[in-house]
Each structure stands twice: as C-alpha cells, then as structure tokens.
Amino acid sequence: MSAHPLSRRTVLRGAALVPAAGLGAAACAAPDDGRAEGPAEPVELGAADAVEKGGAEIFREHHVVVSRSEEGEYRAFSAVCTHRQCPLHKIKGTVSTCTCHGSRFDVTTGEVLEGPAVAPLTELDVSTDGGRLVARPRPA
C-alpha cells in the first residue's frame, strides 16, 4: 500500500471549510428574545382583516402565525419550529418551511408535514377585540 501525499490545494480547501461548518450552529440557536414558544402574555397582532379568508399571516415580531378559514374562524400557533426553535419566516399557501433544517408545517392545523420536527406547532388562543387580533398562551 502506498500513501498518497495531500496536495497543498487539498489541505487549503479543507481548512477553508472548517470555519464555514461552524456557521450552521449559530443559525440553529434558539432565538434569544425568550419567546421560543410564542408570546408569554396576550399580544395585539394587528387588524383582524389583515388575515384573508383561506389565508395565513406570520406576525414575526411576536413569533405568531394566524390562519383564517373560509368561514372566518381564526387559529393561531407559535411561529417557532419545534425542532431547534428557529423562527418561521414565510408562508407559501398554508405551509411554512423552517429555513434551518427544512421542517414543514401546515399553519392551519400546526401539524408537521415533513421533519425533522416531530412535534406540531404550539397552539395559542386567538380572539378579536375591536377589530384587532389578540393572541395569548393557552392555559395549562
């Protein structure tokens, strides 16, 4: 058996990848604002009519996603992936995909459509008050 010496190019390529590999860990860290499961107290999200019938909206500043059925019923969930607590940022139709590891959630039910997440989104209570949406944690 003969050993093949590593070329300078191979060594430098490998060294260049090591710092980049560590970047993923930072992207998957839990948000440091303390709301990994959505709001800890009632929060006003905005105008109730901002969520169209049959649609959904993410309220990023509160880590909440709200959907509205064709009949007008609202449902709210924490907009934080249950896999590694990365915040959800976008919705396509009624599906939100976590940008950290690709978990997909149905934002009308909170259910996991594709892992690695296995737990559904945490459901919140949502109501309208004077035409404004208010989300709050569910009682234990």
C-alpha atoms as a PDB file:
ATOM      1  CA  MET A   1       0.000   0.000   0.000  1.00  0.00           C
ATOM      2  CA  SER A   2       1.364   3.384  -0.872  1.00  0.00           C
ATOM      3  CA  ALA A   3       0.222   6.543   0.828  1.00  0.00           C
ATOM      4  CA  HIS A   4      -0.763   9.447  -1.368  1.00  0.00           C
ATOM      5  CA  PRO A   5       0.528  12.743  -0.020  1.00  0.00           C
ATOM      6  CA  LEU A   6      -2.015  15.524   0.266  1.00  0.00           C
ATOM      7  CA  SER A   7      -1.532  18.394  -2.093  1.00  0.00           C
ATOM      8  CA  ARG A   8      -1.298  21.934  -0.795  1.00  0.00           C
ATOM      9  CA  ARG A   9      -4.585  22.684  -2.605  1.00  0.00           C
ATOM     10  CA  THR A  10      -6.416  19.839  -0.811  1.00  0.00           C
ATOM     11  CA  VAL A  11      -5.179  20.987   2.596  1.00  0.00           C
ATOM     12  CA  LEU A  12      -6.159  24.614   1.948  1.00  0.00           C
ATOM     13  CA  ARG A  13      -9.624  23.649   0.704  1.00  0.00           C
ATOM     14  CA  GLY A  14     -10.243  21.602   3.835  1.00  0.00           C
ATOM     15  CA  ALA A  15      -9.022  24.412   6.085  1.00  0.00           C
ATOM     16  CA  ALA A  16     -11.338  26.893   4.341  1.00  0.00           C
ATOM     17  CA  LEU A  17     -14.384  24.726   5.060  1.00  0.00           C
ATOM     18  CA  VAL A  18     -13.811  24.360   8.811  1.00  0.00           C
ATOM     19  CA  PRO A  19     -14.917  27.927   9.793  1.00  0.00           C
ATOM     20  CA  ALA A  20     -17.948  27.722   7.470  1.00  0.00           C
ATOM     21  CA  ALA A  21     -19.077  24.484   9.104  1.00  0.00           C
ATOM     22  CA  GLY A  22     -19.467  26.300  12.427  1.00  0.00           C
ATOM     23  CA  LEU A  23     -21.888  28.847  10.959  1.00  0.00           C
ATOM     24  CA  GLY A  24     -24.750  26.341  10.943  1.00  0.00           C
ATOM     25  CA  ALA A  25     -24.677  26.025  14.716  1.00  0.00           C
ATOM     26  CA  ALA A  26     -25.289  29.750  15.150  1.00  0.00           C
ATOM     27  CA  ALA A  27     -28.186  29.713  12.684  1.00  0.00           C
ATOM     28  CA  CYS A  28     -29.898  26.922  14.656  1.00  0.00           C
ATOM     29  CA  ALA A  29     -29.599  28.525  18.058  1.00  0.00           C
ATOM     30  CA  ALA A  30     -32.816  29.379  19.848  1.00  0.00           C
ATOM     31  CA  PRO A  31     -33.937  32.974  19.488  1.00  0.00           C
ATOM     32  CA  ASP A  32     -32.508  34.983  22.359  1.00  0.00           C
ATOM     33  CA  ASP A  33     -35.625  37.072  22.902  1.00  0.00           C
ATOM     34  CA  GLY A  34     -37.182  34.498  25.257  1.00  0.00           C
ATOM     35  CA  ARG A  35     -40.231  33.699  23.086  1.00  0.00           C
ATOM     36  CA  ALA A  36     -39.340  30.295  21.717  1.00  0.00           C
ATOM     37  CA  GLU A  37     -42.939  29.187  22.206  1.00  0.00           C
ATOM     38  CA  GLY A  38     -44.696  32.371  21.179  1.00  0.00           C
ATOM     39  CA  PRO A  39     -45.932  35.099  23.488  1.00  0.00           C
ATOM     40  CA  ALA A  40     -45.899  34.616  27.264  1.00  0.00           C
ATOM     41  CA  GLU A  41     -48.788  37.071  27.671  1.00  0.00           C
ATOM     42  CA  PRO A  42     -51.553  38.460  25.449  1.00  0.00           C
ATOM     43  CA  VAL A  43     -50.260  40.408  22.453  1.00  0.00           C
ATOM     44  CA  GLU A  44     -52.137  42.548  19.958  1.00  0.00           C
ATOM     45  CA  LEU A  45     -51.149  41.437  16.455  1.00  0.00           C
ATOM     46  CA  GLY A  46     -52.933  43.943  14.249  1.00  0.00           C
ATOM     47  CA  ALA A  47     -56.104  44.306  12.234  1.00  0.00           C
ATOM     48  CA  ALA A  48     -58.198  41.138  12.081  1.00  0.00           C
ATOM     49  CA  ASP A  49     -58.900  41.696   8.376  1.00  0.00           C
ATOM     50  CA  ALA A  50     -55.135  41.554   7.652  1.00  0.00           C
ATOM     51  CA  VAL A  51     -55.581  37.767   7.522  1.00  0.00           C
ATOM     52  CA  GLU A  52     -57.672  36.946   4.473  1.00  0.00           C
ATOM     53  CA  LYS A  53     -60.250  34.157   4.498  1.00  0.00           C
ATOM     54  CA  GLY A  54     -58.500  30.951   3.461  1.00  0.00           C
ATOM     55  CA  GLY A  55     -55.100  32.536   4.161  1.00  0.00           C
ATOM     56  CA  ALA A  56     -52.496  32.944   6.876  1.00  0.00           C
ATOM     57  CA  GLU A  57     -50.023  35.564   8.090  1.00  0.00           C
ATOM     58  CA  ILE A  58     -46.885  35.445  10.207  1.00  0.00           C
ATOM     59  CA  PHE A  59     -46.511  38.181  12.809  1.00  0.00           C
ATOM     60  CA  ARG A  60     -42.724  37.915  13.132  1.00  0.00           C
ATOM     61  CA  GLU A  61     -42.249  40.419  15.937  1.00  0.00           C
ATOM     62  CA  HIS A  62     -44.407  38.215  18.199  1.00  0.00           C
ATOM     63  CA  HIS A  63     -43.448  34.781  16.741  1.00  0.00           C
ATOM     64  CA  VAL A  64     -47.102  34.044  15.931  1.00  0.00           C
ATOM     65  CA  VAL A  65     -48.771  32.666  12.812  1.00  0.00           C
ATOM     66  CA  VAL A  66     -52.527  33.154  12.338  1.00  0.00           C
ATOM     67  CA  SER A  67     -54.702  31.380   9.786  1.00  0.00           C
ATOM     68  CA  ARG A  68     -58.298  32.134   8.877  1.00  0.00           C
ATOM     69  CA  SER A  69     -60.695  29.558   7.467  1.00  0.00           C
ATOM     70  CA  GLU A  70     -63.052  30.285   4.582  1.00  0.00           C
ATOM     71  CA  GLU A  71     -65.794  30.530   7.235  1.00  0.00           C
ATOM     72  CA  GLY A  72     -63.838  33.276   9.031  1.00  0.00           C
ATOM     73  CA  GLU A  73     -62.561  31.244  12.019  1.00  0.00           C
ATOM     74  CA  TYR A  74     -59.066  32.191  13.254  1.00  0.00           C
ATOM     75  CA  ARG A  75     -56.414  29.813  14.608  1.00  0.00           C
ATOM     76  CA  ALA A  76     -53.033  30.858  15.981  1.00  0.00           C
ATOM     77  CA  PHE A  77     -49.783  28.995  16.595  1.00  0.00           C
ATOM     78  CA  SER A  78     -46.288  29.746  17.740  1.00  0.00           C
ATOM     79  CA  ALA A  79     -44.215  30.594  14.640  1.00  0.00           C
ATOM     80  CA  VAL A  80     -41.194  28.789  16.067  1.00  0.00           C
ATOM     81  CA  CYS A  81     -40.059  25.428  14.680  1.00  0.00           C
ATOM     82  CA  THR A  82     -40.378  22.684  17.270  1.00  0.00           C
ATOM     83  CA  HIS A  83     -37.156  21.016  16.082  1.00  0.00           C
ATOM     84  CA  ARG A  84     -34.494  23.594  17.033  1.00  0.00           C
ATOM     85  CA  GLN A  85     -36.583  26.676  17.842  1.00  0.00           C
ATOM     86  CA  CYS A  86     -35.754  28.586  14.647  1.00  0.00           C
ATOM     87  CA  PRO A  87     -38.376  31.238  13.851  1.00  0.00           C
ATOM     88  CA  LEU A  88     -40.600  30.644  10.837  1.00  0.00           C
ATOM     89  CA  HIS A  89     -40.414  33.492   8.325  1.00  0.00           C
ATOM     90  CA  LYS A  90     -42.529  32.722   5.244  1.00  0.00           C
ATOM     91  CA  ILE A  91     -45.748  31.026   4.212  1.00  0.00           C
ATOM     92  CA  LYS A  92     -46.492  29.566   0.800  1.00  0.00           C
ATOM     93  CA  GLY A  93     -50.188  28.820   0.590  1.00  0.00           C
ATOM     94  CA  THR A  94     -50.803  27.388   4.058  1.00  0.00           C
ATOM     95  CA  VAL A  95     -47.359  25.812   4.519  1.00  0.00           C
ATOM     96  CA  SER A  96     -44.380  27.302   6.335  1.00  0.00           C
ATOM     97  CA  THR A  97     -40.921  25.786   5.892  1.00  0.00           C
ATOM     98  CA  CYS A  98     -38.236  26.268   8.531  1.00  0.00           C
ATOM     99  CA  THR A  99     -35.134  27.719   6.901  1.00  0.00           C
ATOM    100  CA  CYS A 100     -32.792  25.983   9.376  1.00  0.00           C
ATOM    101  CA  HIS A 101     -33.474  22.296   8.608  1.00  0.00           C
ATOM    102  CA  GLY A 102     -36.471  22.179   6.267  1.00  0.00           C
ATOM    103  CA  SER A 103     -39.267  21.107   8.603  1.00  0.00           C
ATOM    104  CA  ARG A 104     -42.632  21.933   7.025  1.00  0.00           C
ATOM    105  CA  PHE A 105     -45.792  22.837   8.936  1.00  0.00           C
ATOM    106  CA  ASP A 106     -49.450  23.262   7.965  1.00  0.00           C
ATOM    107  CA  VAL A 107     -50.202  26.654   9.511  1.00  0.00           C
ATOM    108  CA  THR A 108     -53.956  25.950   9.581  1.00  0.00           C
ATOM    109  CA  THR A 109     -53.532  22.968  11.932  1.00  0.00           C
ATOM    110  CA  GLY A 110     -49.978  23.295  13.291  1.00  0.00           C
ATOM    111  CA  GLU A 111     -49.243  19.749  12.122  1.00  0.00           C
ATOM    112  CA  VAL A 112     -45.805  18.666  10.900  1.00  0.00           C
ATOM    113  CA  LEU A 113     -45.871  17.861   7.178  1.00  0.00           C
ATOM    114  CA  GLU A 114     -42.178  16.988   6.898  1.00  0.00           C
ATOM    115  CA  GLY A 115     -39.423  16.555   9.513  1.00  0.00           C
ATOM    116  CA  PRO A 116     -37.003  16.616  11.141  1.00  0.00           C
ATOM    117  CA  ALA A 117     -39.524  18.236  13.536  1.00  0.00           C
ATOM    118  CA  VAL A 118     -41.889  15.695  15.074  1.00  0.00           C
ATOM    119  CA  ALA A 119     -43.982  17.904  17.385  1.00  0.00           C
ATOM    120  CA  PRO A 120     -46.690  20.205  15.992  1.00  0.00           C
ATOM    121  CA  LEU A 121     -46.563  23.970  16.439  1.00  0.00           C
ATOM    122  CA  THR A 122     -47.809  25.139  19.837  1.00  0.00           C
ATOM    123  CA  GLU A 123     -51.402  26.338  19.529  1.00  0.00           C
ATOM    124  CA  LEU A 124     -52.338  29.689  21.019  1.00  0.00           C
ATOM    125  CA  ASP A 125     -55.705  31.191  21.831  1.00  0.00           C
ATOM    126  CA  VAL A 126     -56.702  33.951  19.418  1.00  0.00           C
ATOM    127  CA  SER A 127     -59.608  36.374  19.547  1.00  0.00           C
ATOM    128  CA  THR A 128     -60.738  39.629  18.016  1.00  0.00           C
ATOM    129  CA  ASP A 129     -61.158  42.699  20.143  1.00  0.00           C
ATOM    130  CA  GLY A 130     -62.462  45.831  18.435  1.00  0.00           C
ATOM    131  CA  GLY A 131     -61.382  44.531  15.022  1.00  0.00           C
ATOM    132  CA  ARG A 132     -57.877  43.676  16.291  1.00  0.00           C
ATOM    133  CA  LEU A 133     -56.361  40.188  16.641  1.00  0.00           C
ATOM    134  CA  VAL A 134     -55.118  39.224  20.104  1.00  0.00           C
ATOM    135  CA  ALA A 135     -53.079  36.041  20.704  1.00  0.00           C
ATOM    136  CA  ARG A 136     -52.363  34.576  24.123  1.00  0.00           C
ATOM    137  CA  PRO A 137     -50.884  31.379  25.510  1.00  0.00           C
ATOM    138  CA  ARG A 138     -53.348  28.613  26.255  1.00  0.00           C
ATOM    139  CA  PRO A 139     -53.959  27.862  29.928  1.00  0.00           C
ATOM    140  CA  ALA A 140     -52.044  24.807  31.137  1.00  0.00           C
END
